[in-house]
Amino acid sequence: LNGCSSLIKDNSDELGIEEIQVEGHTDSDRIGSDDGKIKDNWDL
């Protein structure tokens, strides 16, 4: 991520990088954390 962010920062003006959408995806296994911070795959 450090390498990616450096490339984005160094080239955003020259290449006109205007937007970055970050998407999280999971598998279908049910999931949850013992501390309750992660309730399900939506949370994760």
PDB file of all heavy atoms in Angstrom:
ATOM      1  N   LEU A   1       0.824  -1.206   0.000  1.00  0.00           N
ATOM      2  CA  LEU A   1       0.000   0.000   0.000  1.00  0.00           C
ATOM      3  C   LEU A   1       0.862   1.262   0.000  1.00  0.00           C
ATOM      4  O   LEU A   1       0.489   2.274  -0.612  1.00  0.00           O
ATOM      5  CB  LEU A   1      -0.941  -0.003   1.198  1.00  0.00           C
ATOM      6  CG  LEU A   1      -2.052  -1.065   1.159  1.00  0.00           C
ATOM      7  CD1 LEU A   1      -2.843  -1.053   2.459  1.00  0.00           C
ATOM      8  CD2 LEU A   1      -2.983  -0.845  -0.029  1.00  0.00           C
ATOM      9  N   ASN A   2       1.995   1.198   0.678  1.00  0.00           N
ATOM     10  CA  ASN A   2       2.924   2.338   0.641  1.00  0.00           C
ATOM     11  C   ASN A   2       3.404   2.602  -0.783  1.00  0.00           C
ATOM     12  O   ASN A   2       3.491   3.756  -1.230  1.00  0.00           O
ATOM     13  CB  ASN A   2       4.126   2.082   1.553  1.00  0.00           C
ATOM     14  CG  ASN A   2       3.779   2.183   3.027  1.00  0.00           C
ATOM     15  OD1 ASN A   2       2.786   2.804   3.398  1.00  0.00           O
ATOM     16  ND2 ASN A   2       4.594   1.567   3.879  1.00  0.00           N
ATOM     17  N   GLY A   3       3.714   1.518  -1.490  1.00  0.00           N
ATOM     18  CA  GLY A   3       4.155   1.658  -2.876  1.00  0.00           C
ATOM     19  C   GLY A   3       3.055   2.210  -3.769  1.00  0.00           C
ATOM     20  O   GLY A   3       3.289   3.086  -4.607  1.00  0.00           O
ATOM     21  N   CYS A   4       1.833   1.713  -3.569  1.00  0.00           N
ATOM     22  CA  CYS A   4       0.698   2.184  -4.369  1.00  0.00           C
ATOM     23  C   CYS A   4       0.397   3.652  -4.097  1.00  0.00           C
ATOM     24  O   CYS A   4       0.177   4.437  -5.030  1.00  0.00           O
ATOM     25  CB  CYS A   4      -0.547   1.341  -4.065  1.00  0.00           C
ATOM     26  SG  CYS A   4      -0.493  -0.336  -4.721  1.00  0.00           S
ATOM     27  N   SER A   5       0.386   4.015  -2.822  1.00  0.00           N
ATOM     28  CA  SER A   5       0.074   5.402  -2.468  1.00  0.00           C
ATOM     29  C   SER A   5       1.145   6.359  -3.002  1.00  0.00           C
ATOM     30  O   SER A   5       0.828   7.475  -3.429  1.00  0.00           O
ATOM     31  CB  SER A   5      -0.079   5.552  -0.952  1.00  0.00           C
ATOM     32  OG  SER A   5       1.117   5.197  -0.277  1.00  0.00           O
ATOM     33  N   SER A   6       2.398   5.923  -3.018  1.00  0.00           N
ATOM     34  CA  SER A   6       3.469   6.761  -3.571  1.00  0.00           C
ATOM     35  C   SER A   6       3.274   6.985  -5.066  1.00  0.00           C
ATOM     36  O   SER A   6       3.438   8.107  -5.567  1.00  0.00           O
ATOM     37  CB  SER A   6       4.831   6.118  -3.312  1.00  0.00           C
ATOM     38  OG  SER A   6       5.132   6.093  -1.934  1.00  0.00           O
ATOM     39  N   LEU A   7       2.906   5.916  -5.781  1.00  0.00           N
ATOM     40  CA  LEU A   7       2.663   6.048  -7.221  1.00  0.00           C
ATOM     41  C   LEU A   7       1.470   6.955  -7.491  1.00  0.00           C
ATOM     42  O   LEU A   7       1.494   7.771  -8.426  1.00  0.00           O
ATOM     43  CB  LEU A   7       2.425   4.665  -7.843  1.00  0.00           C
ATOM     44  CG  LEU A   7       3.648   3.760  -7.973  1.00  0.00           C
ATOM     45  CD1 LEU A   7       3.236   2.393  -8.528  1.00  0.00           C
ATOM     46  CD2 LEU A   7       4.704   4.391  -8.868  1.00  0.00           C
ATOM     47  N   ILE A   8       0.429   6.813  -6.694  1.00  0.00           N
ATOM     48  CA  ILE A   8      -0.754   7.655  -6.871  1.00  0.00           C
ATOM     49  C   ILE A   8      -0.400   9.120  -6.608  1.00  0.00           C
ATOM     50  O   ILE A   8      -0.743  10.015  -7.396  1.00  0.00           O
ATOM     51  CB  ILE A   8      -1.887   7.205  -5.930  1.00  0.00           C
ATOM     52  CG1 ILE A   8      -2.383   5.810  -6.335  1.00  0.00           C
ATOM     53  CG2 ILE A   8      -3.045   8.207  -5.959  1.00  0.00           C
ATOM     54  CD1 ILE A   8      -3.304   5.172  -5.313  1.00  0.00           C
ATOM     55  N   LYS A   9       0.298   9.352  -5.511  1.00  0.00           N
ATOM     56  CA  LYS A   9       0.658  10.721  -5.133  1.00  0.00           C
ATOM     57  C   LYS A   9       1.577  11.364  -6.166  1.00  0.00           C
ATOM     58  O   LYS A   9       1.388  12.523  -6.554  1.00  0.00           O
ATOM     59  CB  LYS A   9       1.329  10.717  -3.763  1.00  0.00           C
ATOM     60  CG  LYS A   9       1.709  12.096  -3.245  1.00  0.00           C
ATOM     61  CD  LYS A   9       2.343  12.003  -1.868  1.00  0.00           C
ATOM     62  CE  LYS A   9       2.731  13.379  -1.349  1.00  0.00           C
ATOM     63  NZ  LYS A   9       3.348  13.294   0.008  1.00  0.00           N
ATOM     64  N   ASP A  10       2.573  10.612  -6.632  1.00  0.00           N
ATOM     65  CA  ASP A  10       3.568  11.164  -7.559  1.00  0.00           C
ATOM     66  C   ASP A  10       3.021  11.384  -8.963  1.00  0.00           C
ATOM     67  O   ASP A  10       3.591  12.165  -9.731  1.00  0.00           O
ATOM     68  CB  ASP A  10       4.784  10.235  -7.626  1.00  0.00           C
ATOM     69  CG  ASP A  10       5.543  10.173  -6.309  1.00  0.00           C
ATOM     70  OD1 ASP A  10       5.344  11.069  -5.464  1.00  0.00           O
ATOM     71  OD2 ASP A  10       6.317   9.208  -6.113  1.00  0.00           O
ATOM     72  N   ASN A  11       1.949  10.679  -9.319  1.00  0.00           N
ATOM     73  CA  ASN A  11       1.451  10.737 -10.695  1.00  0.00           C
ATOM     74  C   ASN A  11       0.022  11.260 -10.821  1.00  0.00           C
ATOM     75  O   ASN A  11      -0.521  11.275 -11.920  1.00  0.00           O
ATOM     76  CB  ASN A  11       1.525   9.343 -11.336  1.00  0.00           C
ATOM     77  CG  ASN A  11       2.938   8.828 -11.478  1.00  0.00           C
ATOM     78  OD1 ASN A  11       3.632   9.152 -12.437  1.00  0.00           O
ATOM     79  ND2 ASN A  11       3.384   8.030 -10.516  1.00  0.00           N
ATOM     80  N   SER A  12      -0.568  11.677  -9.708  1.00  0.00           N
ATOM     81  CA  SER A  12      -1.970  12.098  -9.749  1.00  0.00           C
ATOM     82  C   SER A  12      -2.179  13.323 -10.645  1.00  0.00           C
ATOM     83  O   SER A  12      -3.183  13.411 -11.366  1.00  0.00           O
ATOM     84  CB  SER A  12      -2.488  12.381  -8.332  1.00  0.00           C
ATOM     85  OG  SER A  12      -1.734  13.407  -7.722  1.00  0.00           O
ATOM     86  N   ASP A  13      -1.239  14.257 -10.613  1.00  0.00           N
ATOM     87  CA  ASP A  13      -1.378  15.457 -11.446  1.00  0.00           C
ATOM     88  C   ASP A  13      -1.132  15.153 -12.918  1.00  0.00           C
ATOM     89  O   ASP A  13      -1.926  15.517 -13.792  1.00  0.00           O
ATOM     90  CB  ASP A  13      -0.400  16.546 -10.984  1.00  0.00           C
ATOM     91  CG  ASP A  13      -0.816  17.168  -9.657  1.00  0.00           C
ATOM     92  OD1 ASP A  13      -2.012  17.085  -9.317  1.00  0.00           O
ATOM     93  OD2 ASP A  13       0.049  17.720  -8.967  1.00  0.00           O
ATOM     94  N   GLU A  14      -0.029  14.471 -13.202  1.00  0.00           N
ATOM     95  CA  GLU A  14       0.338  14.184 -14.596  1.00  0.00           C
ATOM     96  C   GLU A  14      -0.691  13.302 -15.282  1.00  0.00           C
ATOM     97  O   GLU A  14      -1.053  13.531 -16.443  1.00  0.00           O
ATOM     98  CB  GLU A  14       1.710  13.509 -14.646  1.00  0.00           C
ATOM     99  CG  GLU A  14       2.172  13.165 -16.049  1.00  0.00           C
ATOM    100  CD  GLU A  14       3.489  12.413 -16.067  1.00  0.00           C
ATOM    101  OE1 GLU A  14       4.141  12.324 -15.001  1.00  0.00           O
ATOM    102  OE2 GLU A  14       3.864  11.910 -17.143  1.00  0.00           O
ATOM    103  N   LEU A  15      -1.173  12.283 -14.580  1.00  0.00           N
ATOM    104  CA  LEU A  15      -2.111  11.326 -15.177  1.00  0.00           C
ATOM    105  C   LEU A  15      -3.567  11.683 -14.902  1.00  0.00           C
ATOM    106  O   LEU A  15      -4.464  10.999 -15.387  1.00  0.00           O
ATOM    107  CB  LEU A  15      -1.808   9.910 -14.663  1.00  0.00           C
ATOM    108  CG  LEU A  15      -0.431   9.354 -15.017  1.00  0.00           C
ATOM    109  CD1 LEU A  15      -0.282   7.936 -14.497  1.00  0.00           C
ATOM    110  CD2 LEU A  15      -0.204   9.385 -16.526  1.00  0.00           C
ATOM    111  N   GLY A  16      -3.783  12.734 -14.131  1.00  0.00           N
ATOM    112  CA  GLY A  16      -5.161  13.155 -13.880  1.00  0.00           C
ATOM    113  C   GLY A  16      -5.963  12.126 -13.111  1.00  0.00           C
ATOM    114  O   GLY A  16      -7.124  11.849 -13.454  1.00  0.00           O
ATOM    115  N   ILE A  17      -5.370  11.544 -12.077  1.00  0.00           N
ATOM    116  CA  ILE A  17      -6.124  10.607 -11.230  1.00  0.00           C
ATOM    117  C   ILE A  17      -7.101  11.422 -10.395  1.00  0.00           C
ATOM    118  O   ILE A  17      -6.707  12.225  -9.566  1.00  0.00           O
ATOM    119  CB  ILE A  17      -5.183   9.799 -10.319  1.00  0.00           C
ATOM    120  CG1 ILE A  17      -4.210   8.980 -11.176  1.00  0.00           C
ATOM    121  CG2 ILE A  17      -5.975   8.886  -9.389  1.00  0.00           C
ATOM    122  CD1 ILE A  17      -3.137   8.257 -10.371  1.00  0.00           C
ATOM    123  N   GLU A  18      -8.394  11.227 -10.639  1.00  0.00           N
ATOM    124  CA  GLU A  18      -9.383  12.088  -9.991  1.00  0.00           C
ATOM    125  C   GLU A  18     -10.218  11.377  -8.931  1.00  0.00           C
ATOM    126  O   GLU A  18     -10.778  12.034  -8.043  1.00  0.00           O
ATOM    127  CB  GLU A  18     -10.325  12.693 -11.030  1.00  0.00           C
ATOM    128  CG  GLU A  18     -11.169  11.674 -11.786  1.00  0.00           C
ATOM    129  CD  GLU A  18     -12.162  12.338 -12.720  1.00  0.00           C
ATOM    130  OE1 GLU A  18     -12.281  13.581 -12.652  1.00  0.00           O
ATOM    131  OE2 GLU A  18     -12.812  11.628 -13.502  1.00  0.00           O
ATOM    132  N   GLU A  19     -10.298  10.064  -8.980  1.00  0.00           N
ATOM    133  CA  GLU A  19     -11.152   9.362  -8.014  1.00  0.00           C
ATOM    134  C   GLU A  19     -10.662   7.935  -7.816  1.00  0.00           C
ATOM    135  O   GLU A  19     -10.224   7.278  -8.761  1.00  0.00           O
ATOM    136  CB  GLU A  19     -12.606   9.333  -8.499  1.00  0.00           C
ATOM    137  CG  GLU A  19     -13.553   8.636  -7.544  1.00  0.00           C
ATOM    138  CD  GLU A  19     -14.996   8.592  -8.044  1.00  0.00           C
ATOM    139  OE1 GLU A  19     -15.270   9.152  -9.129  1.00  0.00           O
ATOM    140  OE2 GLU A  19     -15.837   7.992  -7.359  1.00  0.00           O
ATOM    141  N   ILE A  20     -10.738   7.465  -6.567  1.00  0.00           N
ATOM    142  CA  ILE A  20     -10.403   6.075  -6.246  1.00  0.00           C
ATOM    143  C   ILE A  20     -11.507   5.504  -5.361  1.00  0.00           C
ATOM    144  O   ILE A  20     -11.774   6.028  -4.274  1.00  0.00           O
ATOM    145  CB  ILE A  20      -9.044   5.966  -5.537  1.00  0.00           C
ATOM    146  CG1 ILE A  20      -7.923   6.453  -6.458  1.00  0.00           C
ATOM    147  CG2 ILE A  20      -8.784   4.523  -5.097  1.00  0.00           C
ATOM    148  CD1 ILE A  20      -6.549   6.449  -5.826  1.00  0.00           C
ATOM    149  N   GLN A  21     -12.145   4.473  -5.844  1.00  0.00           N
ATOM    150  CA  GLN A  21     -13.175   3.778  -5.075  1.00  0.00           C
ATOM    151  C   GLN A  21     -12.555   2.515  -4.476  1.00  0.00           C
ATOM    152  O   GLN A  21     -11.995   1.696  -5.199  1.00  0.00           O
ATOM    153  CB  GLN A  21     -14.365   3.414  -5.964  1.00  0.00           C
ATOM    154  CG  GLN A  21     -15.069   4.618  -6.566  1.00  0.00           C
ATOM    155  CD  GLN A  21     -16.174   4.219  -7.527  1.00  0.00           C
ATOM    156  OE1 GLN A  21     -16.457   3.039  -7.725  1.00  0.00           O
ATOM    157  NE2 GLN A  21     -16.793   5.217  -8.152  1.00  0.00           N
ATOM    158  N   VAL A  22     -12.653   2.382  -3.170  1.00  0.00           N
ATOM    159  CA  VAL A  22     -12.113   1.220  -2.468  1.00  0.00           C
ATOM    160  C   VAL A  22     -13.280   0.308  -2.094  1.00  0.00           C
ATOM    161  O   VAL A  22     -14.208   0.737  -1.403  1.00  0.00           O
ATOM    162  CB  VAL A  22     -11.333   1.633  -1.204  1.00  0.00           C
ATOM    163  CG1 VAL A  22     -10.704   0.408  -0.549  1.00  0.00           C
ATOM    164  CG2 VAL A  22     -10.260   2.669  -1.545  1.00  0.00           C
ATOM    165  N   GLU A  23     -13.216  -0.946  -2.552  1.00  0.00           N
ATOM    166  CA  GLU A  23     -14.309  -1.881  -2.316  1.00  0.00           C
ATOM    167  C   GLU A  23     -13.826  -3.103  -1.541  1.00  0.00           C
ATOM    168  O   GLU A  23     -12.792  -3.679  -1.871  1.00  0.00           O
ATOM    169  CB  GLU A  23     -14.924  -2.339  -3.641  1.00  0.00           C
ATOM    170  CG  GLU A  23     -15.555  -1.212  -4.448  1.00  0.00           C
ATOM    171  CD  GLU A  23     -16.202  -1.717  -5.719  1.00  0.00           C
ATOM    172  OE1 GLU A  23     -16.066  -2.939  -6.016  1.00  0.00           O
ATOM    173  OE2 GLU A  23     -16.845  -0.912  -6.434  1.00  0.00           O
ATOM    174  N   GLY A  24     -14.583  -3.481  -0.512  1.00  0.00           N
ATOM    175  CA  GLY A  24     -14.292  -4.691   0.251  1.00  0.00           C
ATOM    176  C   GLY A  24     -15.267  -5.796  -0.114  1.00  0.00           C
ATOM    177  O   GLY A  24     -16.474  -5.556  -0.248  1.00  0.00           O
ATOM    178  N   HIS A  25     -14.739  -7.020  -0.287  1.00  0.00           N
ATOM    179  CA  HIS A  25     -15.560  -8.177  -0.662  1.00  0.00           C
ATOM    180  C   HIS A  25     -15.174  -9.377   0.207  1.00  0.00           C
ATOM    181  O   HIS A  25     -14.000  -9.531   0.578  1.00  0.00           O
ATOM    182  CB  HIS A  25     -15.359  -8.532  -2.137  1.00  0.00           C
ATOM    183  CG  HIS A  25     -15.702  -7.421  -3.084  1.00  0.00           C
ATOM    184  ND1 HIS A  25     -16.952  -7.262  -3.616  1.00  0.00           N
ATOM    185  CD2 HIS A  25     -14.942  -6.412  -3.583  1.00  0.00           C
ATOM    186  CE1 HIS A  25     -16.956  -6.203  -4.422  1.00  0.00           C
ATOM    187  NE2 HIS A  25     -15.746  -5.667  -4.413  1.00  0.00           N
ATOM    188  N   THR A  26     -16.138 -10.231   0.496  1.00  0.00           N
ATOM    189  CA  THR A  26     -15.890 -11.424   1.315  1.00  0.00           C
ATOM    190  C   THR A  26     -16.397 -12.671   0.606  1.00  0.00           C
ATOM    191  O   THR A  26     -17.035 -12.587  -0.447  1.00  0.00           O
ATOM    192  CB  THR A  26     -16.593 -11.321   2.683  1.00  0.00           C
ATOM    193  OG1 THR A  26     -18.015 -11.430   2.482  1.00  0.00           O
ATOM    194  CG2 THR A  26     -16.289  -9.997   3.370  1.00  0.00           C
ATOM    195  N   ASP A  27     -16.129 -13.818   1.234  1.00  0.00           N
ATOM    196  CA  ASP A  27     -16.745 -15.055   0.753  1.00  0.00           C
ATOM    197  C   ASP A  27     -18.089 -15.226   1.462  1.00  0.00           C
ATOM    198  O   ASP A  27     -18.581 -14.300   2.113  1.00  0.00           O
ATOM    199  CB  ASP A  27     -15.818 -16.254   0.979  1.00  0.00           C
ATOM    200  CG  ASP A  27     -15.463 -16.439   2.441  1.00  0.00           C
ATOM    201  OD1 ASP A  27     -16.237 -16.017   3.317  1.00  0.00           O
ATOM    202  OD2 ASP A  27     -14.381 -17.004   2.722  1.00  0.00           O
ATOM    203  N   SER A  28     -18.679 -16.405   1.340  1.00  0.00           N
ATOM    204  CA  SER A  28     -20.020 -16.627   1.894  1.00  0.00           C
ATOM    205  C   SER A  28     -20.006 -17.210   3.301  1.00  0.00           C
ATOM    206  O   SER A  28     -21.077 -17.401   3.899  1.00  0.00           O
ATOM    207  CB  SER A  28     -20.809 -17.558   0.968  1.00  0.00           C
ATOM    208  OG  SER A  28     -20.145 -18.821   0.844  1.00  0.00           O
ATOM    209  N   ASP A  29     -18.825 -17.499   3.852  1.00  0.00           N
ATOM    210  CA  ASP A  29     -18.757 -18.072   5.200  1.00  0.00           C
ATOM    211  C   ASP A  29     -19.246 -17.059   6.229  1.00  0.00           C
ATOM    212  O   ASP A  29     -18.903 -15.875   6.168  1.00  0.00           O
ATOM    213  CB  ASP A  29     -17.314 -18.489   5.534  1.00  0.00           C
ATOM    214  CG  ASP A  29     -16.876 -19.699   4.749  1.00  0.00           C
ATOM    215  OD1 ASP A  29     -17.739 -20.318   4.085  1.00  0.00           O
ATOM    216  OD2 ASP A  29     -15.670 -20.017   4.782  1.00  0.00           O
ATOM    217  N   ARG A  30     -20.033 -17.558   7.182  1.00  0.00           N
ATOM    218  CA  ARG A  30     -20.489 -16.684   8.266  1.00  0.00           C
ATOM    219  C   ARG A  30     -19.293 -16.332   9.153  1.00  0.00           C
ATOM    220  O   ARG A  30     -18.393 -17.141   9.360  1.00  0.00           O
ATOM    221  CB  ARG A  30     -21.567 -17.376   9.087  1.00  0.00           C
ATOM    222  CG  ARG A  30     -22.844 -17.679   8.297  1.00  0.00           C
ATOM    223  CD  ARG A  30     -23.933 -18.225   9.195  1.00  0.00           C
ATOM    224  NE  ARG A  30     -24.351 -17.223  10.176  1.00  0.00           N
ATOM    225  CZ  ARG A  30     -25.299 -17.438  11.092  1.00  0.00           C
ATOM    226  NH1 ARG A  30     -25.889 -18.635  11.161  1.00  0.00           N
ATOM    227  NH2 ARG A  30     -25.626 -16.488  11.940  1.00  0.00           N
ATOM    228  N   ILE A  31     -19.306 -15.119   9.635  1.00  0.00           N
ATOM    229  CA  ILE A  31     -18.151 -14.667  10.392  1.00  0.00           C
ATOM    230  C   ILE A  31     -18.598 -13.724  11.502  1.00  0.00           C
ATOM    231  O   ILE A  31     -19.641 -13.083  11.431  1.00  0.00           O
ATOM    232  CB  ILE A  31     -17.135 -13.961   9.469  1.00  0.00           C
ATOM    233  CG1 ILE A  31     -15.771 -13.897  10.120  1.00  0.00           C
ATOM    234  CG2 ILE A  31     -17.622 -12.586   9.070  1.00  0.00           C
ATOM    235  CD1 ILE A  31     -14.663 -13.560   9.159  1.00  0.00           C
ATOM    236  N   GLY A  32     -17.777 -13.666  12.551  1.00  0.00           N
ATOM    237  CA  GLY A  32     -18.036 -12.771  13.669  1.00  0.00           C
ATOM    238  C   GLY A  32     -16.844 -12.820  14.600  1.00  0.00           C
ATOM    239  O   GLY A  32     -16.135 -13.828  14.662  1.00  0.00           O
ATOM    240  N   SER A  33     -16.588 -11.752  15.321  1.00  0.00           N
ATOM    241  CA  SER A  33     -15.444 -11.714  16.224  1.00  0.00           C
ATOM    242  C   SER A  33     -15.918 -11.842  17.665  1.00  0.00           C
ATOM    243  O   SER A  33     -17.042 -11.465  18.010  1.00  0.00           O
ATOM    244  CB  SER A  33     -14.659 -10.408  16.043  1.00  0.00           C
ATOM    245  OG  SER A  33     -15.480  -9.290  16.291  1.00  0.00           O
ATOM    246  N   ASP A  34     -15.040 -12.388  18.508  1.00  0.00           N
ATOM    247  CA  ASP A  34     -15.389 -12.597  19.914  1.00  0.00           C
ATOM    248  C   ASP A  34     -15.669 -11.277  20.633  1.00  0.00           C
ATOM    249  O   ASP A  34     -16.484 -11.229  21.557  1.00  0.00           O
ATOM    250  CB  ASP A  34     -14.257 -13.347  20.636  1.00  0.00           C
ATOM    251  CG  ASP A  34     -14.084 -14.764  20.094  1.00  0.00           C
ATOM    252  OD1 ASP A  34     -15.070 -15.310  19.563  1.00  0.00           O
ATOM    253  OD2 ASP A  34     -12.965 -15.297  20.197  1.00  0.00           O
ATOM    254  N   ASP A  35     -14.988 -10.211  20.220  1.00  0.00           N
ATOM    255  CA  ASP A  35     -15.183  -8.926  20.898  1.00  0.00           C
ATOM    256  C   ASP A  35     -16.385  -8.150  20.372  1.00  0.00           C
ATOM    257  O   ASP A  35     -16.701  -7.064  20.855  1.00  0.00           O
ATOM    258  CB  ASP A  35     -13.921  -8.067  20.783  1.00  0.00           C
ATOM    259  CG  ASP A  35     -13.519  -7.819  19.326  1.00  0.00           C
ATOM    260  OD1 ASP A  35     -14.315  -8.128  18.422  1.00  0.00           O
ATOM    261  OD2 ASP A  35     -12.397  -7.333  19.110  1.00  0.00           O
ATOM    262  N   GLY A  36     -17.055  -8.715  19.365  1.00  0.00           N
ATOM    263  CA  GLY A  36     -18.259  -8.078  18.848  1.00  0.00           C
ATOM    264  C   GLY A  36     -18.030  -6.943  17.880  1.00  0.00           C
ATOM    265  O   GLY A  36     -18.981  -6.321  17.397  1.00  0.00           O
ATOM    266  N   LYS A  37     -16.756  -6.659  17.548  1.00  0.00           N
ATOM    267  CA  LYS A  37     -16.466  -5.555  16.630  1.00  0.00           C
ATOM    268  C   LYS A  37     -16.871  -5.908  15.197  1.00  0.00           C
ATOM    269  O   LYS A  37     -17.244  -5.031  14.422  1.00  0.00           O
ATOM    270  CB  LYS A  37     -14.984  -5.199  16.699  1.00  0.00           C
ATOM    271  CG  LYS A  37     -14.567  -4.565  18.026  1.00  0.00           C
ATOM    272  CD  LYS A  37     -13.095  -4.186  18.009  1.00  0.00           C
ATOM    273  CE  LYS A  37     -12.691  -3.522  19.326  1.00  0.00           C
ATOM    274  NZ  LYS A  37     -11.253  -3.144  19.340  1.00  0.00           N
ATOM    275  N   ILE A  38     -16.733  -7.184  14.856  1.00  0.00           N
ATOM    276  CA  ILE A  38     -17.143  -7.646  13.528  1.00  0.00           C
ATOM    277  C   ILE A  38     -18.369  -8.540  13.700  1.00  0.00           C
ATOM    278  O   ILE A  38     -18.274  -9.640  14.248  1.00  0.00           O
ATOM    279  CB  ILE A  38     -16.015  -8.429  12.819  1.00  0.00           C
ATOM    280  CG1 ILE A  38     -14.762  -7.566  12.684  1.00  0.00           C
ATOM    281  CG2 ILE A  38     -16.487  -8.908  11.451  1.00  0.00           C
ATOM    282  CD1 ILE A  38     -14.916  -6.377  11.778  1.00  0.00           C
ATOM    283  N   LYS A  39     -19.525  -8.080  13.248  1.00  0.00           N
ATOM    284  CA  LYS A  39     -20.755  -8.844  13.435  1.00  0.00           C
ATOM    285  C   LYS A  39     -21.004  -9.831  12.296  1.00  0.00           C
ATOM    286  O   LYS A  39     -21.518 -10.930  12.509  1.00  0.00           O
ATOM    287  CB  LYS A  39     -21.936  -7.891  13.555  1.00  0.00           C
ATOM    288  CG  LYS A  39     -21.883  -7.004  14.781  1.00  0.00           C
ATOM    289  CD  LYS A  39     -23.092  -6.080  14.832  1.00  0.00           C
ATOM    290  CE  LYS A  39     -23.036  -5.197  16.078  1.00  0.00           C
ATOM    291  NZ  LYS A  39     -24.206  -4.280  16.136  1.00  0.00           N
ATOM    292  N   ASP A  40     -20.669  -9.420  11.091  1.00  0.00           N
ATOM    293  CA  ASP A  40     -20.943 -10.268   9.932  1.00  0.00           C
ATOM    294  C   ASP A  40     -20.087  -9.803   8.760  1.00  0.00           C
ATOM    295  O   ASP A  40     -19.211  -8.947   8.912  1.00  0.00           O
ATOM    296  CB  ASP A  40     -22.435 -10.233   9.571  1.00  0.00           C
ATOM    297  CG  ASP A  40     -22.963  -8.805   9.410  1.00  0.00           C
ATOM    298  OD1 ASP A  40     -22.163  -7.901   9.089  1.00  0.00           O
ATOM    299  OD2 ASP A  40     -24.176  -8.592   9.595  1.00  0.00           O
ATOM    300  N   ASN A  41     -20.357 -10.361   7.585  1.00  0.00           N
ATOM    301  CA  ASN A  41     -19.561 -10.018   6.399  1.00  0.00           C
ATOM    302  C   ASN A  41     -19.784  -8.582   5.927  1.00  0.00           C
ATOM    303  O   ASN A  41     -18.912  -8.012   5.263  1.00  0.00           O
ATOM    304  CB  ASN A  41     -19.861 -11.003   5.257  1.00  0.00           C
ATOM    305  CG  ASN A  41     -19.134 -12.319   5.438  1.00  0.00           C
ATOM    306  OD1 ASN A  41     -17.981 -12.341   5.861  1.00  0.00           O
ATOM    307  ND2 ASN A  41     -19.805 -13.425   5.136  1.00  0.00           N
ATOM    308  N   TRP A  42     -20.933  -8.010   6.239  1.00  0.00           N
ATOM    309  CA  TRP A  42     -21.129  -6.592   5.936  1.00  0.00           C
ATOM    310  C   TRP A  42     -20.122  -5.752   6.709  1.00  0.00           C
ATOM    311  O   TRP A  42     -19.492  -4.845   6.157  1.00  0.00           O
ATOM    312  CB  TRP A  42     -22.556  -6.156   6.285  1.00  0.00           C
ATOM    313  CG  TRP A  42     -23.604  -6.559   5.299  1.00  0.00           C
ATOM    314  CD1 TRP A  42     -24.628  -7.438   5.504  1.00  0.00           C
ATOM    315  CD2 TRP A  42     -23.727  -6.107   3.944  1.00  0.00           C
ATOM    316  NE1 TRP A  42     -25.385  -7.559   4.366  1.00  0.00           N
ATOM    317  CE2 TRP A  42     -24.862  -6.757   3.395  1.00  0.00           C
ATOM    318  CE3 TRP A  42     -23.001  -5.226   3.146  1.00  0.00           C
ATOM    319  CZ2 TRP A  42     -25.283  -6.535   2.080  1.00  0.00           C
ATOM    320  CZ3 TRP A  42     -23.415  -5.016   1.841  1.00  0.00           C
ATOM    321  CH2 TRP A  42     -24.542  -5.664   1.316  1.00  0.00           C
ATOM    322  N   ASP A  43     -20.005  -6.051   7.995  1.00  0.00           N
ATOM    323  CA  ASP A  43     -19.036  -5.337   8.828  1.00  0.00           C
ATOM    324  C   ASP A  43     -17.613  -5.534   8.322  1.00  0.00           C
ATOM    325  O   ASP A  43     -16.842  -4.583   8.198  1.00  0.00           O
ATOM    326  CB  ASP A  43     -19.115  -5.835  10.275  1.00  0.00           C
ATOM    327  CG  ASP A  43     -20.083  -5.018  11.112  1.00  0.00           C
ATOM    328  OD1 ASP A  43     -20.583  -4.001  10.620  1.00  0.00           O
ATOM    329  OD2 ASP A  43     -20.348  -5.413  12.257  1.00  0.00           O
ATOM    330  N   LEU A  44     -17.276  -6.788   8.040  1.00  0.00           N
ATOM    331  CA  LEU A  44     -15.909  -7.110   7.637  1.00  0.00           C
ATOM    332  C   LEU A  44     -15.524  -6.401   6.340  1.00  0.00           C
ATOM    333  O   LEU A  44     -14.464  -5.767   6.259  1.00  0.00           O
ATOM    334  CB  LEU A  44     -15.739  -8.621   7.481  1.00  0.00           C
ATOM    335  CG  LEU A  44     -14.356  -9.099   7.052  1.00  0.00           C
ATOM    336  CD1 LEU A  44     -13.307  -8.690   8.077  1.00  0.00           C
ATOM    337  CD2 LEU A  44     -14.354 -10.619   6.846  1.00  0.00           C
TER     338      LEU A  44
END
